[in-house]
Amino acid sequence: MPQYLVAIHRPNHFDPFTVKDEAMSRDIDVLNDEMKAAGIRKFVGGLQPRHTARSLRRQADGQIALADGPFLTTTEYVDGFWVLEVADLDAALAWGRKAATACRASVEVRPFH
């Protein structure tokens, strides 16, 4: 059965300590329980704030440069994700809709190779 990444995207100004409330946490817990009961959740992970990221970039001379912060400069970042094993893209999108609702965020659904 194919696997899909369901990634939660947050705007750069998102502050989880002031935005995430008990209702959102409860909705995410309910969604996680539903995914477990359906037997489709293979992995789930919330990520630390983006300022804790370290990026490695290969330079033209073959050296690897290390930098603080995320690799890309964007207006959004990945806050957490699920790896789901479901029948097809339609099923993955259905779970993605539930994730967007529970997390009150934009969600990306992408298949693995």
C-alpha atoms as a PDB file:
ATOM      1  CA  MET A   1       0.000   0.000   0.000  1.00  0.00           C
ATOM      2  CA  PRO A   2       1.395   3.470  -0.837  1.00  0.00           C
ATOM      3  CA  GLN A   3       2.656   5.850   1.834  1.00  0.00           C
ATOM      4  CA  TYR A   4       2.047   9.597   1.961  1.00  0.00           C
ATOM      5  CA  LEU A   5       3.593  12.481   3.836  1.00  0.00           C
ATOM      6  CA  VAL A   6       0.999  14.784   5.410  1.00  0.00           C
ATOM      7  CA  ALA A   7       2.966  17.883   6.454  1.00  0.00           C
ATOM      8  CA  ILE A   8       1.653  20.769   8.541  1.00  0.00           C
ATOM      9  CA  HIS A   9       2.849  24.201   7.372  1.00  0.00           C
ATOM     10  CA  ARG A  10       2.861  27.250   9.622  1.00  0.00           C
ATOM     11  CA  PRO A  11       3.531  30.914   8.817  1.00  0.00           C
ATOM     12  CA  ASN A  12       6.887  32.230  10.046  1.00  0.00           C
ATOM     13  CA  HIS A  13       5.177  34.416  12.652  1.00  0.00           C
ATOM     14  CA  PHE A  14       3.320  31.428  14.198  1.00  0.00           C
ATOM     15  CA  ASP A  15       3.887  31.147  17.952  1.00  0.00           C
ATOM     16  CA  PRO A  16       2.727  27.730  19.209  1.00  0.00           C
ATOM     17  CA  PHE A  17       2.797  28.895  22.808  1.00  0.00           C
ATOM     18  CA  THR A  18       0.134  31.527  22.219  1.00  0.00           C
ATOM     19  CA  VAL A  19      -1.864  30.034  19.326  1.00  0.00           C
ATOM     20  CA  LYS A  20      -2.244  26.348  20.224  1.00  0.00           C
ATOM     21  CA  ASP A  21      -5.078  26.078  22.699  1.00  0.00           C
ATOM     22  CA  GLU A  22      -6.708  23.161  24.495  1.00  0.00           C
ATOM     23  CA  ALA A  23      -9.309  22.740  21.735  1.00  0.00           C
ATOM     24  CA  MET A  24      -6.648  22.445  19.025  1.00  0.00           C
ATOM     25  CA  SER A  25      -4.586  20.007  21.100  1.00  0.00           C
ATOM     26  CA  ARG A  26      -7.705  17.924  21.748  1.00  0.00           C
ATOM     27  CA  ASP A  27      -8.615  17.922  18.035  1.00  0.00           C
ATOM     28  CA  ILE A  28      -5.103  16.760  17.111  1.00  0.00           C
ATOM     29  CA  ASP A  29      -5.257  14.019  19.762  1.00  0.00           C
ATOM     30  CA  VAL A  30      -8.629  12.865  18.393  1.00  0.00           C
ATOM     31  CA  LEU A  31      -7.202  12.791  14.854  1.00  0.00           C
ATOM     32  CA  ASN A  32      -4.171  10.779  16.030  1.00  0.00           C
ATOM     33  CA  ASP A  33      -6.466   8.309  17.775  1.00  0.00           C
ATOM     34  CA  GLU A  34      -8.587   8.008  14.625  1.00  0.00           C
ATOM     35  CA  MET A  35      -5.490   7.369  12.491  1.00  0.00           C
ATOM     36  CA  LYS A  36      -4.237   4.712  14.930  1.00  0.00           C
ATOM     37  CA  ALA A  37      -7.644   3.016  15.024  1.00  0.00           C
ATOM     38  CA  ALA A  38      -7.716   2.945  11.205  1.00  0.00           C
ATOM     39  CA  GLY A  39      -4.240   1.362  11.195  1.00  0.00           C
ATOM     40  CA  ILE A  40      -2.871   3.896   8.710  1.00  0.00           C
ATOM     41  CA  ARG A  41      -0.480   5.947  10.853  1.00  0.00           C
ATOM     42  CA  LYS A  42       3.091   4.746  10.385  1.00  0.00           C
ATOM     43  CA  PHE A  43       4.869   7.688  12.009  1.00  0.00           C
ATOM     44  CA  VAL A  44       4.017  11.084  13.442  1.00  0.00           C
ATOM     45  CA  GLY A  45       6.336  13.857  14.544  1.00  0.00           C
ATOM     46  CA  GLY A  46       6.038  17.410  15.721  1.00  0.00           C
ATOM     47  CA  LEU A  47       9.114  19.520  15.145  1.00  0.00           C
ATOM     48  CA  GLN A  48      10.873  21.984  17.427  1.00  0.00           C
ATOM     49  CA  PRO A  49      10.658  25.680  16.404  1.00  0.00           C
ATOM     50  CA  ARG A  50      12.384  26.513  13.141  1.00  0.00           C
ATOM     51  CA  HIS A  51      15.142  28.530  14.843  1.00  0.00           C
ATOM     52  CA  THR A  52      16.459  25.213  16.243  1.00  0.00           C
ATOM     53  CA  ALA A  53      17.149  23.901  12.714  1.00  0.00           C
ATOM     54  CA  ARG A  54      20.656  23.531  11.299  1.00  0.00           C
ATOM     55  CA  SER A  55      21.213  23.417   7.555  1.00  0.00           C
ATOM     56  CA  LEU A  56      23.985  21.728   5.629  1.00  0.00           C
ATOM     57  CA  ARG A  57      24.707  22.874   2.096  1.00  0.00           C
ATOM     58  CA  ARG A  58      27.260  21.415  -0.303  1.00  0.00           C
ATOM     59  CA  GLN A  59      29.508  24.133  -1.730  1.00  0.00           C
ATOM     60  CA  ALA A  60      31.029  24.238  -5.233  1.00  0.00           C
ATOM     61  CA  ASP A  61      34.410  23.151  -3.821  1.00  0.00           C
ATOM     62  CA  GLY A  62      32.823  20.059  -2.254  1.00  0.00           C
ATOM     63  CA  GLN A  63      32.954  21.405   1.293  1.00  0.00           C
ATOM     64  CA  ILE A  64      29.815  21.342   3.441  1.00  0.00           C
ATOM     65  CA  ALA A  65      28.719  24.625   4.972  1.00  0.00           C
ATOM     66  CA  LEU A  66      26.774  24.573   8.233  1.00  0.00           C
ATOM     67  CA  ALA A  67      24.299  27.355   8.993  1.00  0.00           C
ATOM     68  CA  ASP A  68      21.852  28.069  11.787  1.00  0.00           C
ATOM     69  CA  GLY A  69      18.195  28.008  10.858  1.00  0.00           C
ATOM     70  CA  PRO A  70      16.157  26.398   8.117  1.00  0.00           C
ATOM     71  CA  PHE A  71      17.667  25.682   4.697  1.00  0.00           C
ATOM     72  CA  LEU A  72      15.203  27.797   2.731  1.00  0.00           C
ATOM     73  CA  THR A  73      14.041  31.341   3.271  1.00  0.00           C
ATOM     74  CA  THR A  74      10.272  31.095   2.994  1.00  0.00           C
ATOM     75  CA  THR A  75       7.140  32.547   4.523  1.00  0.00           C
ATOM     76  CA  GLU A  76       6.137  29.152   5.948  1.00  0.00           C
ATOM     77  CA  TYR A  77       7.855  26.195   7.576  1.00  0.00           C
ATOM     78  CA  VAL A  78       7.032  22.555   8.357  1.00  0.00           C
ATOM     79  CA  ASP A  79       5.772  22.290  11.937  1.00  0.00           C
ATOM     80  CA  GLY A  80       5.072  18.559  12.046  1.00  0.00           C
ATOM     81  CA  PHE A  81       4.013  15.637   9.913  1.00  0.00           C
ATOM     82  CA  TRP A  82       2.478  12.198   9.627  1.00  0.00           C
ATOM     83  CA  VAL A  83       3.497   9.288   7.435  1.00  0.00           C
ATOM     84  CA  LEU A  84       0.310   7.456   6.469  1.00  0.00           C
ATOM     85  CA  GLU A  85      -0.159   4.200   4.619  1.00  0.00           C
ATOM     86  CA  VAL A  86      -3.448   4.390   2.734  1.00  0.00           C
ATOM     87  CA  ALA A  87      -5.007   2.940  -0.410  1.00  0.00           C
ATOM     88  CA  ASP A  88      -4.556   5.938  -2.702  1.00  0.00           C
ATOM     89  CA  LEU A  89      -4.178   9.697  -3.069  1.00  0.00           C
ATOM     90  CA  ASP A  90      -7.881  10.300  -2.468  1.00  0.00           C
ATOM     91  CA  ALA A  91      -7.650   8.599   0.916  1.00  0.00           C
ATOM     92  CA  ALA A  92      -4.490  10.569   1.763  1.00  0.00           C
ATOM     93  CA  LEU A  93      -6.232  13.817   0.826  1.00  0.00           C
ATOM     94  CA  ALA A  94      -9.212  12.931   3.017  1.00  0.00           C
ATOM     95  CA  TRP A  95      -6.859  12.531   5.989  1.00  0.00           C
ATOM     96  CA  GLY A  96      -5.063  15.723   4.944  1.00  0.00           C
ATOM     97  CA  ARG A  97      -8.354  17.618   5.144  1.00  0.00           C
ATOM     98  CA  LYS A  98      -8.857  16.308   8.675  1.00  0.00           C
ATOM     99  CA  ALA A  99      -5.307  17.367   9.562  1.00  0.00           C
ATOM    100  CA  ALA A 100      -5.837  20.878   8.189  1.00  0.00           C
ATOM    101  CA  THR A 101      -8.990  21.178  10.270  1.00  0.00           C
ATOM    102  CA  ALA A 102      -7.495  19.789  13.496  1.00  0.00           C
ATOM    103  CA  CYS A 103      -4.239  21.767  13.201  1.00  0.00           C
ATOM    104  CA  ARG A 104      -5.888  24.913  11.830  1.00  0.00           C
ATOM    105  CA  ALA A 105      -3.098  25.067   9.272  1.00  0.00           C
ATOM    106  CA  SER A 106      -2.137  24.511   5.666  1.00  0.00           C
ATOM    107  CA  VAL A 107      -1.300  20.902   4.858  1.00  0.00           C
ATOM    108  CA  GLU A 108       0.810  19.349   2.099  1.00  0.00           C
ATOM    109  CA  VAL A 109       0.099  15.773   1.008  1.00  0.00           C
ATOM    110  CA  ARG A 110       2.860  14.096  -0.968  1.00  0.00           C
ATOM    111  CA  PRO A 111       3.446  10.458  -1.961  1.00  0.00           C
ATOM    112  CA  PHE A 112       6.685   8.641  -1.209  1.00  0.00           C
ATOM    113  CA  HIS A 113       8.560   6.882  -4.015  1.00  0.00           C
END
